Structure formats: C-alpha cells, structure tokens
Amino acid sequence: MKKISLALAVLLGSTAPILAADVTEPVKEVMDATMKNWSGADGDWIDIFDPSKLSRLYSKDFVAKYQAAIQNPAADEDGVSPFAYDVIVNGEDACPLEDLTYSPKAVADGTTEVVVTFKKATCMDDGSDKQALTTVKFEMLDEGGKPVIDDIVTEGDPGQPPNSLKNTMVQIAKGQ
C-alpha cells in the first residue's frame, strides 16, 4: 500500500497535498458558522474572520489583505470587521440558509474552486425570489500541505461581474 501511495504522490506532483486533505473542510467550517449566524436562534454572532480562524482557514495573502482592510477606521464603526455586511450571503439580511450544496471542482493552476449554493431568502416578504439560489465560490490553495481559502467570490448585481472579497479588501484598505 505504501508503494501505491508514494507512486500516486509522485504522479500527482504538486496537486497531491491538496488532494490528500479534504478541500471542503475550511469551506464547511465557514458555512457552518454562517448557517448558525442566520439560523434565527439567539446566540453570539460567529466571526468567520476571528484570529484563530484567520490563521487556520485562510491563505497568507488573504490574511494580509484582511489585516490591511481592518486598519481602515472608516471601514466599520464597531472596529470588529472591515465589512458592513455578511460577505457569504452578500448582504445585511438573510433567512436561515436552506438547500446547501458543496461542489469541489478540479485543480486548475494550483487552485481548487469549491462552489457552494444555498437559498437565503425563503422567509422574505419583500418580493424576493424565495427559491433563488445564491452561489459563493471559494478559491482554495495548498499552503503547508493543507487547503486554505484564498478568496471568496460572490455573485455581482445583475449585469455586473462577480465580487472578489480580496479585491474588496484592497479597496477598503485604500479607503474606497
């Protein structure tokens, strides 16, 4: 068995470490926290960017951009987050998340994309499409032999390109 594992590692080259670990684990931890945050149950808000999560779940480049963004005093009045909205649901309001799916894609250029879909508006009475699916793409890298989140990409407004959270953090850091 060791010969097969070694041969497989040699054949796969640089993609072996990210395949060895479950690429969806960091994504599932972020999504579990997001689901709890929007569950409707009373409880403390779970910060998906708290220091312990930043160091374990996100790439070094992502963390550097986050740290730069959080330095902008205009970013958030409470000093807790550089964002004035939930970056996963891409808004300030949501219902308990429903019909969550995870779809890891093939490794391309050292990045694995994990596509997450869910319904976030099933309880809304504001004319929202209650059955609409929200799509969030997590771009995953291998750092130190483990998968980490390098970017979170959400759908743009109709007719607009997708929103890269790393690009948003760069803009926040610049005061824009």
N, C-alpha and C. Protein backbone atom coordinates (compact mmCIF):
# COMPACT_ATOMS: atom_id res chain seq x y z
N MET A 1 0.81 -1.19 0.00
CA MET A 1 0.00 0.00 0.00
C MET A 1 0.85 1.26 0.00
N LYS A 2 1.98 1.24 0.74
CA LYS A 2 2.85 2.41 0.77
C LYS A 2 3.41 2.69 -0.61
N LYS A 3 3.69 1.65 -1.40
CA LYS A 3 4.22 1.85 -2.75
C LYS A 3 3.19 2.56 -3.62
N ILE A 4 1.93 2.19 -3.48
CA ILE A 4 0.87 2.82 -4.28
C ILE A 4 0.74 4.28 -3.89
N SER A 5 0.74 4.58 -2.59
CA SER A 5 0.61 5.97 -2.14
C SER A 5 1.78 6.81 -2.61
N LEU A 6 3.00 6.28 -2.53
CA LEU A 6 4.17 7.01 -2.97
C LEU A 6 4.11 7.23 -4.48
N ALA A 7 3.74 6.20 -5.22
CA ALA A 7 3.63 6.33 -6.68
C ALA A 7 2.56 7.37 -7.05
N LEU A 8 1.45 7.35 -6.35
CA LEU A 8 0.38 8.32 -6.61
C LEU A 8 0.88 9.74 -6.31
N ALA A 9 1.59 9.91 -5.22
CA ALA A 9 2.12 11.23 -4.87
C ALA A 9 3.11 11.72 -5.93
N VAL A 10 3.94 10.84 -6.43
CA VAL A 10 4.90 11.21 -7.47
C VAL A 10 4.18 11.59 -8.75
N LEU A 11 3.17 10.79 -9.12
CA LEU A 11 2.41 11.07 -10.34
C LEU A 11 1.64 12.38 -10.26
N LEU A 12 1.07 12.67 -9.10
CA LEU A 12 0.25 13.87 -8.96
C LEU A 12 1.07 15.13 -8.75
N GLY A 13 2.30 14.98 -8.32
CA GLY A 13 3.17 16.13 -8.14
C GLY A 13 2.61 17.13 -7.16
N SER A 14 2.56 18.42 -7.54
CA SER A 14 2.21 19.49 -6.61
C SER A 14 0.75 19.48 -6.21
N THR A 15 -0.12 18.74 -6.90
CA THR A 15 -1.53 18.72 -6.50
C THR A 15 -1.81 17.70 -5.42
N ALA A 16 -0.84 16.84 -5.12
CA ALA A 16 -1.07 15.78 -4.13
C ALA A 16 -1.47 16.31 -2.76
N PRO A 17 -0.79 17.33 -2.19
CA PRO A 17 -1.16 17.76 -0.85
C PRO A 17 -2.60 18.26 -0.74
N ILE A 18 -3.09 19.00 -1.72
CA ILE A 18 -4.45 19.50 -1.62
C ILE A 18 -5.46 18.37 -1.80
N LEU A 19 -5.08 17.32 -2.53
CA LEU A 19 -5.98 16.18 -2.68
C LEU A 19 -5.94 15.30 -1.45
N ALA A 20 -4.82 15.31 -0.71
CA ALA A 20 -4.70 14.47 0.47
C ALA A 20 -5.64 14.93 1.57
N ALA A 21 -5.85 16.21 1.70
CA ALA A 21 -6.76 16.75 2.70
C ALA A 21 -8.09 17.06 2.01
N ASP A 22 -9.15 17.10 2.80
CA ASP A 22 -10.47 17.42 2.25
C ASP A 22 -10.55 18.92 1.99
N VAL A 23 -10.55 19.28 0.72
CA VAL A 23 -10.53 20.69 0.32
C VAL A 23 -11.78 21.44 0.80
N THR A 24 -12.84 20.72 1.12
CA THR A 24 -14.07 21.39 1.55
C THR A 24 -14.09 21.69 3.05
N GLU A 25 -13.17 21.14 3.84
CA GLU A 25 -13.23 21.34 5.29
C GLU A 25 -13.20 22.81 5.72
N PRO A 26 -12.26 23.63 5.23
CA PRO A 26 -12.30 25.05 5.62
C PRO A 26 -13.60 25.73 5.18
N VAL A 27 -14.09 25.38 4.01
CA VAL A 27 -15.33 25.96 3.49
C VAL A 27 -16.50 25.55 4.39
N LYS A 28 -16.54 24.29 4.77
CA LYS A 28 -17.62 23.81 5.64
C LYS A 28 -17.60 24.51 6.99
N GLU A 29 -16.41 24.79 7.52
CA GLU A 29 -16.34 25.50 8.81
C GLU A 29 -16.91 26.91 8.68
N VAL A 30 -16.57 27.60 7.60
CA VAL A 30 -17.11 28.94 7.35
C VAL A 30 -18.62 28.88 7.14
N MET A 31 -19.07 27.92 6.36
CA MET A 31 -20.51 27.81 6.07
C MET A 31 -21.29 27.37 7.31
N ASP A 32 -20.73 26.50 8.15
CA ASP A 32 -21.41 26.11 9.39
C ASP A 32 -21.62 27.33 10.28
N ALA A 33 -20.61 28.18 10.39
CA ALA A 33 -20.74 29.41 11.19
C ALA A 33 -21.79 30.32 10.58
N THR A 34 -21.77 30.46 9.27
CA THR A 34 -22.75 31.32 8.59
C THR A 34 -24.16 30.79 8.79
N MET A 35 -24.32 29.48 8.70
CA MET A 35 -25.65 28.89 8.93
C MET A 35 -26.13 29.16 10.35
N LYS A 36 -25.24 29.03 11.34
CA LYS A 36 -25.62 29.31 12.72
C LYS A 36 -25.97 30.78 12.89
N ASN A 37 -25.21 31.65 12.25
CA ASN A 37 -25.47 33.09 12.36
C ASN A 37 -26.86 33.45 11.84
N TRP A 38 -27.32 32.79 10.80
CA TRP A 38 -28.62 33.11 10.19
C TRP A 38 -29.71 32.12 10.58
N SER A 39 -29.49 31.30 11.59
CA SER A 39 -30.46 30.26 11.97
C SER A 39 -31.71 30.82 12.64
N GLY A 40 -31.63 32.04 13.12
CA GLY A 40 -32.78 32.61 13.83
C GLY A 40 -32.72 32.33 15.32
N ALA A 41 -31.81 31.48 15.75
CA ALA A 41 -31.66 31.18 17.17
C ALA A 41 -30.85 32.28 17.84
N ASP A 42 -31.21 32.56 19.08
CA ASP A 42 -30.45 33.55 19.83
C ASP A 42 -29.07 32.97 20.12
N GLY A 43 -28.09 33.77 19.97
CA GLY A 43 -26.73 33.33 20.25
C GLY A 43 -25.75 34.36 19.75
N ASP A 44 -24.52 34.21 20.14
CA ASP A 44 -23.49 35.13 19.72
C ASP A 44 -23.18 34.93 18.24
N TRP A 45 -22.94 36.04 17.56
CA TRP A 45 -22.55 36.02 16.15
C TRP A 45 -21.17 35.37 16.06
N ILE A 46 -21.00 34.44 15.15
CA ILE A 46 -19.72 33.78 14.97
C ILE A 46 -18.94 34.53 13.89
N ASP A 47 -17.80 35.05 14.27
CA ASP A 47 -16.96 35.81 13.35
C ASP A 47 -16.14 34.83 12.52
N ILE A 48 -16.38 34.80 11.21
CA ILE A 48 -15.63 33.87 10.35
C ILE A 48 -14.21 34.35 10.09
N PHE A 49 -13.88 35.54 10.63
CA PHE A 49 -12.53 36.08 10.48
C PHE A 49 -11.85 36.31 11.83
N ASP A 50 -12.30 35.61 12.88
CA ASP A 50 -11.61 35.81 14.16
C ASP A 50 -10.18 35.29 14.03
N PRO A 51 -9.28 35.74 14.89
CA PRO A 51 -7.86 35.41 14.73
C PRO A 51 -7.56 33.92 14.59
N SER A 52 -8.26 33.06 15.33
CA SER A 52 -7.98 31.62 15.23
C SER A 52 -8.41 31.07 13.87
N LYS A 53 -9.50 31.59 13.33
CA LYS A 53 -9.94 31.14 12.01
C LYS A 53 -9.03 31.71 10.91
N LEU A 54 -8.64 32.98 11.05
CA LEU A 54 -7.75 33.58 10.06
C LEU A 54 -6.48 32.75 9.90
N SER A 55 -5.90 32.35 11.01
CA SER A 55 -4.62 31.63 10.95
C SER A 55 -4.76 30.20 10.45
N ARG A 56 -5.94 29.60 10.58
CA ARG A 56 -6.13 28.20 10.18
C ARG A 56 -6.79 28.02 8.81
N LEU A 57 -7.74 28.90 8.49
CA LEU A 57 -8.60 28.65 7.34
C LEU A 57 -8.24 29.43 6.08
N TYR A 58 -7.46 30.50 6.21
CA TYR A 58 -7.23 31.41 5.09
C TYR A 58 -5.76 31.45 4.70
N SER A 59 -5.52 31.79 3.42
CA SER A 59 -4.16 31.88 2.91
C SER A 59 -3.44 33.08 3.52
N LYS A 60 -2.13 33.06 3.45
CA LYS A 60 -1.34 34.18 3.96
C LYS A 60 -1.68 35.47 3.22
N ASP A 61 -1.88 35.39 1.91
CA ASP A 61 -2.22 36.58 1.13
C ASP A 61 -3.58 37.13 1.54
N PHE A 62 -4.56 36.25 1.74
CA PHE A 62 -5.89 36.67 2.19
C PHE A 62 -5.77 37.38 3.54
N VAL A 63 -5.04 36.77 4.47
CA VAL A 63 -4.88 37.35 5.81
C VAL A 63 -4.22 38.72 5.73
N ALA A 64 -3.20 38.86 4.90
CA ALA A 64 -2.52 40.16 4.75
C ALA A 64 -3.50 41.23 4.25
N LYS A 65 -4.32 40.87 3.28
CA LYS A 65 -5.30 41.82 2.75
C LYS A 65 -6.38 42.15 3.79
N TYR A 66 -6.77 41.15 4.57
CA TYR A 66 -7.75 41.38 5.63
C TYR A 66 -7.17 42.32 6.69
N GLN A 67 -5.92 42.05 7.10
CA GLN A 67 -5.27 42.89 8.11
C GLN A 67 -5.14 44.34 7.63
N ALA A 68 -4.84 44.52 6.35
CA ALA A 68 -4.76 45.87 5.79
C ALA A 68 -6.13 46.54 5.78
N ALA A 69 -7.16 45.80 5.43
CA ALA A 69 -8.52 46.35 5.37
C ALA A 69 -9.02 46.75 6.75
N ILE A 70 -8.72 45.96 7.75
CA ILE A 70 -9.24 46.25 9.09
C ILE A 70 -8.57 47.48 9.71
N GLN A 71 -7.46 47.91 9.14
CA GLN A 71 -6.78 49.11 9.63
C GLN A 71 -7.48 50.40 9.22
N ASN A 72 -8.36 50.31 8.25
CA ASN A 72 -9.06 51.50 7.77
C ASN A 72 -10.16 51.85 8.76
N PRO A 73 -10.01 52.94 9.50
CA PRO A 73 -11.01 53.26 10.53
C PRO A 73 -12.39 53.55 9.96
N ALA A 74 -12.49 53.91 8.69
CA ALA A 74 -13.79 54.19 8.10
C ALA A 74 -14.51 52.91 7.68
N ALA A 75 -13.80 51.79 7.75
CA ALA A 75 -14.38 50.55 7.25
C ALA A 75 -15.57 50.08 8.08
N ASP A 76 -15.48 50.19 9.39
CA ASP A 76 -16.54 49.67 10.24
C ASP A 76 -16.56 50.45 11.55
N GLU A 77 -17.71 50.95 11.93
CA GLU A 77 -17.81 51.77 13.13
C GLU A 77 -17.49 51.02 14.41
N ASP A 78 -17.77 49.72 14.46
CA ASP A 78 -17.54 49.00 15.71
C ASP A 78 -16.13 48.41 15.80
N GLY A 79 -15.34 48.53 14.76
CA GLY A 79 -13.97 48.06 14.79
C GLY A 79 -13.82 46.56 14.79
N VAL A 80 -14.90 45.83 14.55
CA VAL A 80 -14.85 44.39 14.57
C VAL A 80 -14.54 43.82 13.19
N SER A 81 -15.05 44.43 12.16
CA SER A 81 -14.91 43.89 10.81
C SER A 81 -14.78 45.05 9.82
N PRO A 82 -14.03 44.82 8.75
CA PRO A 82 -13.98 45.85 7.73
C PRO A 82 -15.22 45.86 6.82
N PHE A 83 -16.14 44.94 7.07
CA PHE A 83 -17.31 44.80 6.20
C PHE A 83 -18.58 45.23 6.94
N ALA A 84 -19.47 45.89 6.23
CA ALA A 84 -20.74 46.32 6.80
C ALA A 84 -21.86 45.36 6.39
N TYR A 85 -21.49 44.17 6.00
CA TYR A 85 -22.46 43.17 5.54
C TYR A 85 -21.85 41.79 5.72
N ASP A 86 -22.68 40.77 5.62
CA ASP A 86 -22.19 39.39 5.69
C ASP A 86 -21.63 39.04 4.31
N VAL A 87 -20.35 38.73 4.25
CA VAL A 87 -19.70 38.50 2.96
C VAL A 87 -20.11 37.19 2.31
N ILE A 88 -20.68 36.27 3.07
CA ILE A 88 -21.11 34.99 2.50
C ILE A 88 -22.48 35.13 1.86
N VAL A 89 -23.45 35.71 2.57
CA VAL A 89 -24.79 35.89 1.98
C VAL A 89 -24.82 37.11 1.09
N ASN A 90 -23.74 37.89 1.12
CA ASN A 90 -23.58 39.08 0.29
C ASN A 90 -24.69 40.09 0.56
N GLY A 91 -24.98 40.30 1.85
CA GLY A 91 -25.99 41.26 2.23
C GLY A 91 -26.10 41.42 3.73
N GLU A 92 -27.02 42.29 4.13
CA GLU A 92 -27.24 42.55 5.56
C GLU A 92 -28.37 41.72 6.13
N ASP A 93 -29.17 41.12 5.28
CA ASP A 93 -30.31 40.33 5.73
C ASP A 93 -30.34 38.99 5.02
N ALA A 94 -30.77 37.99 5.76
CA ALA A 94 -30.96 36.66 5.18
C ALA A 94 -31.87 35.86 6.11
N CYS A 95 -32.36 34.77 5.59
CA CYS A 95 -33.16 33.83 6.35
C CYS A 95 -32.26 32.67 6.75
N PRO A 96 -32.78 31.74 7.54
CA PRO A 96 -31.99 30.53 7.75
C PRO A 96 -31.65 29.92 6.38
N LEU A 97 -30.38 29.59 6.19
CA LEU A 97 -29.95 29.07 4.89
C LEU A 97 -30.51 27.68 4.67
N GLU A 98 -30.94 27.43 3.44
CA GLU A 98 -31.54 26.14 3.09
C GLU A 98 -30.88 25.57 1.84
N ASP A 99 -31.00 24.26 1.70
CA ASP A 99 -30.56 23.53 0.50
C ASP A 99 -29.09 23.79 0.15
N LEU A 100 -28.24 23.69 1.14
CA LEU A 100 -26.81 23.93 0.97
C LEU A 100 -26.15 22.78 0.21
N THR A 101 -25.35 23.12 -0.81
CA THR A 101 -24.58 22.11 -1.55
C THR A 101 -23.14 22.58 -1.70
N TYR A 102 -22.23 21.61 -1.73
CA TYR A 102 -20.80 21.86 -1.95
C TYR A 102 -20.38 21.12 -3.20
N SER A 103 -19.70 21.81 -4.12
CA SER A 103 -19.23 21.18 -5.35
C SER A 103 -17.77 21.55 -5.59
N PRO A 104 -16.84 20.70 -5.16
CA PRO A 104 -15.43 20.98 -5.46
C PRO A 104 -15.15 20.73 -6.94
N LYS A 105 -14.38 21.60 -7.54
CA LYS A 105 -14.02 21.48 -8.95
C LYS A 105 -12.61 20.92 -9.05
N ALA A 106 -12.17 20.63 -10.26
CA ALA A 106 -10.83 20.11 -10.49
C ALA A 106 -9.78 21.19 -10.22
N VAL A 107 -8.60 20.76 -9.83
CA VAL A 107 -7.49 21.68 -9.59
C VAL A 107 -7.09 22.30 -10.93
N ALA A 108 -6.94 23.63 -10.96
CA ALA A 108 -6.51 24.35 -12.15
C ALA A 108 -5.53 25.44 -11.72
N ASP A 109 -4.34 25.40 -12.26
CA ASP A 109 -3.31 26.39 -11.93
C ASP A 109 -3.06 26.49 -10.43
N GLY A 110 -3.07 25.36 -9.73
CA GLY A 110 -2.80 25.33 -8.30
C GLY A 110 -3.96 25.74 -7.42
N THR A 111 -5.11 26.05 -8.01
CA THR A 111 -6.28 26.49 -7.26
C THR A 111 -7.41 25.49 -7.45
N THR A 112 -8.09 25.20 -6.37
CA THR A 112 -9.30 24.37 -6.43
C THR A 112 -10.46 25.27 -6.04
N GLU A 113 -11.49 25.26 -6.85
CA GLU A 113 -12.67 26.06 -6.56
C GLU A 113 -13.72 25.16 -5.91
N VAL A 114 -14.27 25.61 -4.80
CA VAL A 114 -15.39 24.92 -4.15
C VAL A 114 -16.59 25.84 -4.30
N VAL A 115 -17.59 25.37 -5.03
CA VAL A 115 -18.79 26.16 -5.27
C VAL A 115 -19.85 25.74 -4.25
N VAL A 116 -20.37 26.72 -3.54
CA VAL A 116 -21.42 26.48 -2.55
C VAL A 116 -22.68 27.19 -3.02
N THR A 117 -23.79 26.49 -3.00
CA THR A 117 -25.07 27.11 -3.33
C THR A 117 -26.03 26.92 -2.16
N PHE A 118 -26.93 27.88 -2.00
CA PHE A 118 -27.92 27.80 -0.93
C PHE A 118 -29.03 28.80 -1.22
N LYS A 119 -30.15 28.61 -0.53
CA LYS A 119 -31.25 29.57 -0.57
C LYS A 119 -31.15 30.43 0.68
N LYS A 120 -31.23 31.75 0.51
CA LYS A 120 -31.10 32.66 1.64
C LYS A 120 -32.32 33.55 1.87
N ALA A 121 -33.34 33.44 1.02
CA ALA A 121 -34.47 34.38 1.10
C ALA A 121 -35.82 33.70 1.29
N THR A 122 -35.83 32.47 1.79
CA THR A 122 -37.09 31.73 1.87
C THR A 122 -38.10 32.34 2.84
N CYS A 123 -37.68 33.19 3.76
CA CYS A 123 -38.60 33.81 4.72
C CYS A 123 -38.92 35.26 4.39
N MET A 124 -38.36 35.78 3.31
CA MET A 124 -38.52 37.20 2.97
C MET A 124 -39.93 37.49 2.43
N ASP A 125 -40.45 38.64 2.82
CA ASP A 125 -41.76 39.10 2.32
C ASP A 125 -41.61 40.40 1.55
N ASP A 126 -40.43 40.63 0.97
CA ASP A 126 -40.16 41.89 0.29
C ASP A 126 -40.16 41.76 -1.23
N GLY A 127 -40.73 40.69 -1.73
CA GLY A 127 -40.75 40.48 -3.17
C GLY A 127 -39.55 39.71 -3.67
N SER A 128 -38.66 39.28 -2.77
CA SER A 128 -37.50 38.49 -3.17
C SER A 128 -37.96 37.15 -3.74
N ASP A 129 -37.16 36.62 -4.64
CA ASP A 129 -37.41 35.27 -5.14
C ASP A 129 -36.99 34.30 -4.05
N LYS A 130 -37.96 33.76 -3.35
CA LYS A 130 -37.69 32.91 -2.19
C LYS A 130 -36.95 31.63 -2.56
N GLN A 131 -37.06 31.21 -3.79
CA GLN A 131 -36.41 29.96 -4.21
C GLN A 131 -35.08 30.20 -4.93
N ALA A 132 -34.68 31.45 -5.07
CA ALA A 132 -33.43 31.77 -5.78
C ALA A 132 -32.24 31.17 -5.05
N LEU A 133 -31.33 30.63 -5.83
CA LEU A 133 -30.10 30.08 -5.27
C LEU A 133 -29.01 31.15 -5.27
N THR A 134 -28.29 31.21 -4.19
CA THR A 134 -27.11 32.07 -4.07
C THR A 134 -25.90 31.18 -4.31
N THR A 135 -24.94 31.68 -5.07
CA THR A 135 -23.72 30.93 -5.34
C THR A 135 -22.53 31.69 -4.79
N VAL A 136 -21.70 30.98 -4.04
CA VAL A 136 -20.46 31.53 -3.50
C VAL A 136 -19.34 30.59 -3.91
N LYS A 137 -18.27 31.16 -4.46
CA LYS A 137 -17.13 30.35 -4.89
C LYS A 137 -15.96 30.62 -3.96
N PHE A 138 -15.45 29.56 -3.39
CA PHE A 138 -14.27 29.63 -2.53
C PHE A 138 -13.08 29.15 -3.35
N GLU A 139 -12.09 30.00 -3.50
CA GLU A 139 -10.87 29.62 -4.21
C GLU A 139 -9.88 29.11 -3.17
N MET A 140 -9.49 27.85 -3.34
CA MET A 140 -8.67 27.17 -2.35
C MET A 140 -7.25 26.97 -2.87
N LEU A 141 -6.28 27.14 -1.97
CA LEU A 141 -4.87 26.89 -2.26
C LEU A 141 -4.34 25.87 -1.28
N ASP A 142 -3.21 25.29 -1.60
CA ASP A 142 -2.48 24.43 -0.69
C ASP A 142 -1.35 25.26 -0.10
N GLU A 143 -1.38 25.44 1.22
CA GLU A 143 -0.27 26.10 1.91
C GLU A 143 0.17 25.19 3.05
N GLY A 144 1.42 24.78 2.98
CA GLY A 144 1.94 23.92 4.03
C GLY A 144 1.28 22.57 4.09
N GLY A 145 0.80 22.09 2.96
CA GLY A 145 0.18 20.77 2.91
C GLY A 145 -1.27 20.73 3.34
N LYS A 146 -1.89 21.89 3.48
CA LYS A 146 -3.31 21.89 3.85
C LYS A 146 -4.07 22.90 2.99
N PRO A 147 -5.34 22.62 2.72
CA PRO A 147 -6.14 23.54 1.91
C PRO A 147 -6.54 24.76 2.74
N VAL A 148 -6.41 25.93 2.13
CA VAL A 148 -6.81 27.19 2.77
C VAL A 148 -7.60 28.03 1.76
N ILE A 149 -8.45 28.89 2.28
CA ILE A 149 -9.26 29.78 1.45
C ILE A 149 -8.40 30.95 1.00
N ASP A 150 -8.29 31.15 -0.31
CA ASP A 150 -7.52 32.26 -0.84
C ASP A 150 -8.41 33.41 -1.30
N ASP A 151 -9.66 33.14 -1.61
CA ASP A 151 -10.60 34.19 -1.98
C ASP A 151 -12.01 33.65 -1.85
N ILE A 152 -12.94 34.56 -1.65
CA ILE A 152 -14.37 34.24 -1.61
C ILE A 152 -15.01 35.13 -2.66
N VAL A 153 -15.66 34.52 -3.64
CA VAL A 153 -16.23 35.25 -4.77
C VAL A 153 -17.75 35.07 -4.75
N THR A 154 -18.46 36.20 -4.69
CA THR A 154 -19.92 36.16 -4.70
C THR A 154 -20.45 36.73 -6.01
N GLU A 155 -21.72 36.47 -6.26
CA GLU A 155 -22.36 36.95 -7.48
C GLU A 155 -22.46 38.47 -7.44
N GLY A 156 -22.23 39.08 -8.58
CA GLY A 156 -22.42 40.52 -8.69
C GLY A 156 -23.89 40.84 -8.91
N ASP A 157 -24.22 42.12 -8.83
CA ASP A 157 -25.57 42.55 -9.18
C ASP A 157 -25.82 42.20 -10.63
N PRO A 158 -27.09 42.09 -11.05
CA PRO A 158 -27.37 41.76 -12.45
C PRO A 158 -26.59 42.66 -13.41
N GLY A 159 -25.91 42.03 -14.35
CA GLY A 159 -25.13 42.76 -15.34
C GLY A 159 -23.75 43.16 -14.86
N GLN A 160 -23.40 42.84 -13.61
CA GLN A 160 -22.11 43.19 -13.04
C GLN A 160 -21.25 41.93 -12.86
N PRO A 161 -19.93 42.09 -12.84
CA PRO A 161 -19.06 40.93 -12.65
C PRO A 161 -19.14 40.41 -11.21
N PRO A 162 -18.65 39.21 -10.97
CA PRO A 162 -18.61 38.67 -9.61
C PRO A 162 -17.75 39.56 -8.70
N ASN A 163 -17.99 39.43 -7.39
CA ASN A 163 -17.27 40.21 -6.38
C ASN A 163 -16.20 39.36 -5.71
N SER A 164 -14.95 39.74 -5.88
CA SER A 164 -13.84 39.09 -5.19
C SER A 164 -13.65 39.76 -3.84
N LEU A 165 -13.69 38.98 -2.76
CA LEU A 165 -13.51 39.57 -1.44
C LEU A 165 -12.10 40.14 -1.29
N LYS A 166 -11.11 39.51 -1.89
CA LYS A 166 -9.75 40.06 -1.82
C LYS A 166 -9.69 41.43 -2.50
N ASN A 167 -10.33 41.58 -3.63
CA ASN A 167 -10.37 42.88 -4.30
C ASN A 167 -11.09 43.91 -3.43
N THR A 168 -12.19 43.50 -2.80
CA THR A 168 -12.93 44.39 -1.91
C THR A 168 -12.05 44.83 -0.75
N MET A 169 -11.27 43.91 -0.18
CA MET A 169 -10.40 44.27 0.95
C MET A 169 -9.31 45.26 0.51
N VAL A 170 -8.80 45.10 -0.69
CA VAL A 170 -7.79 46.04 -1.21
C VAL A 170 -8.42 47.43 -1.31
N GLN A 171 -9.65 47.51 -1.81
CA GLN A 171 -10.33 48.80 -1.93
C GLN A 171 -10.59 49.42 -0.55
N ILE A 172 -11.02 48.61 0.40
CA ILE A 172 -11.26 49.11 1.76
C ILE A 172 -9.96 49.65 2.35
N ALA A 173 -8.88 48.92 2.16
CA ALA A 173 -7.58 49.35 2.70
C ALA A 173 -7.14 50.69 2.11
N LYS A 174 -7.57 50.96 0.88
CA LYS A 174 -7.24 52.23 0.23
C LYS A 174 -8.22 53.33 0.63
N GLY A 175 -9.23 53.00 1.44
CA GLY A 175 -10.20 53.99 1.86
C GLY A 175 -11.31 54.22 0.84
N GLN A 176 -11.50 53.28 -0.06
CA GLN A 176 -12.53 53.43 -1.09
C GLN A 176 -13.76 52.60 -0.81
